[in-house]
């Protein structure tokens, strides 16, 4: 946690006071959101997504027969 905080300060602390001001914080949020969107969009067909496979609907088997109508 402290390492991540230090990385954020090093990257976005423009005035070097060791604290992110409101403007610096807004810039950090916008930048990180943009990077995340680009990373997600780039996952296309070349990279595998992590997680379970998508659920598939079972095939339509038609109406069920009552026990008396069976052979």
Protein backbone atom coordinates (compact mmCIF):
# COMPACT_ATOMS: atom_id res chain seq x y z
CA UNK A 1 0.00 0.00 0.00
CA UNK A 2 2.78 2.44 0.90
CA UNK A 3 4.70 1.52 -2.25
CA UNK A 4 1.64 2.27 -4.42
CA UNK A 5 1.13 5.57 -2.63
CA UNK A 6 4.75 6.54 -3.24
CA UNK A 7 4.38 5.67 -6.92
CA UNK A 8 1.25 7.82 -7.19
CA UNK A 9 2.95 10.76 -5.48
CA UNK A 10 6.02 10.45 -7.68
CA UNK A 11 3.89 10.35 -10.80
CA UNK A 12 1.22 12.98 -10.08
CA UNK A 13 2.60 15.35 -7.41
CA UNK A 14 3.40 18.32 -9.66
CA UNK A 15 4.36 20.80 -6.94
CA UNK A 16 6.44 18.29 -4.94
CA UNK A 17 4.85 18.96 -1.54
CA UNK A 18 4.20 15.27 -0.84
CA UNK A 19 0.40 15.65 -0.94
CA UNK A 20 -1.92 15.53 -3.94
CA UNK A 21 -3.93 18.74 -4.26
CA UNK A 22 -7.45 18.70 -5.68
CA UNK A 23 -6.18 19.51 -9.19
CA UNK A 24 -3.47 16.84 -9.00
CA UNK A 25 -5.96 14.29 -7.68
CA UNK A 26 -8.41 15.07 -10.52
CA UNK A 27 -5.60 14.71 -13.07
CA UNK A 28 -4.57 11.37 -11.54
CA UNK A 29 -8.13 10.02 -11.66
CA UNK A 30 -8.67 11.05 -15.27
CA UNK A 31 -5.33 9.63 -16.35
CA UNK A 32 -5.85 6.31 -14.57
CA UNK A 33 -9.39 5.94 -15.94
CA UNK A 34 -8.16 6.61 -19.47
CA UNK A 35 -5.35 4.07 -19.09
CA UNK A 36 -7.73 1.47 -17.69
CA UNK A 37 -10.20 1.94 -20.56
CA UNK A 38 -7.39 1.57 -23.09
CA UNK A 39 -6.13 -1.58 -21.36
CA UNK A 40 -9.63 -3.13 -21.31
CA UNK A 41 -10.34 -2.26 -24.96
CA UNK A 42 -6.98 -3.68 -25.98
CA UNK A 43 -7.87 -7.08 -24.54
CA UNK A 44 -9.75 -8.02 -27.75
CA UNK A 45 -8.84 -11.34 -29.33
CA UNK A 46 -5.13 -11.27 -28.60
CA UNK A 47 -5.31 -11.60 -24.82
CA UNK A 48 -7.29 -14.04 -22.74
CA UNK A 49 -9.73 -12.74 -20.19
CA UNK A 50 -9.41 -14.04 -16.67
CA UNK A 51 -12.42 -15.69 -15.08
CA UNK A 52 -15.01 -18.35 -15.77
CA UNK A 53 -16.29 -18.90 -19.30
CA UNK A 54 -19.57 -17.20 -20.24
CA UNK A 55 -22.71 -19.16 -19.45
CA UNK A 56 -24.50 -20.74 -22.36
CA UNK A 57 -28.22 -21.35 -22.65
CA UNK A 58 -29.29 -25.00 -22.80
CA UNK A 59 -30.69 -26.17 -26.17
CA UNK A 60 -34.43 -25.96 -26.72
CA UNK A 61 -35.69 -29.53 -26.31
CA UNK A 62 -39.36 -28.88 -27.10
CA UNK A 63 -42.42 -29.58 -24.94
CA UNK A 64 -42.16 -32.16 -22.19
CA UNK A 65 -44.33 -35.25 -22.49
CA UNK A 66 -46.51 -36.32 -19.57
CA UNK A 67 -45.70 -39.81 -18.12
CA UNK A 68 -48.99 -41.25 -19.46
CA UNK A 69 -48.17 -40.22 -23.05
CA UNK A 70 -44.81 -42.00 -23.12
CA UNK A 71 -44.36 -45.35 -24.81
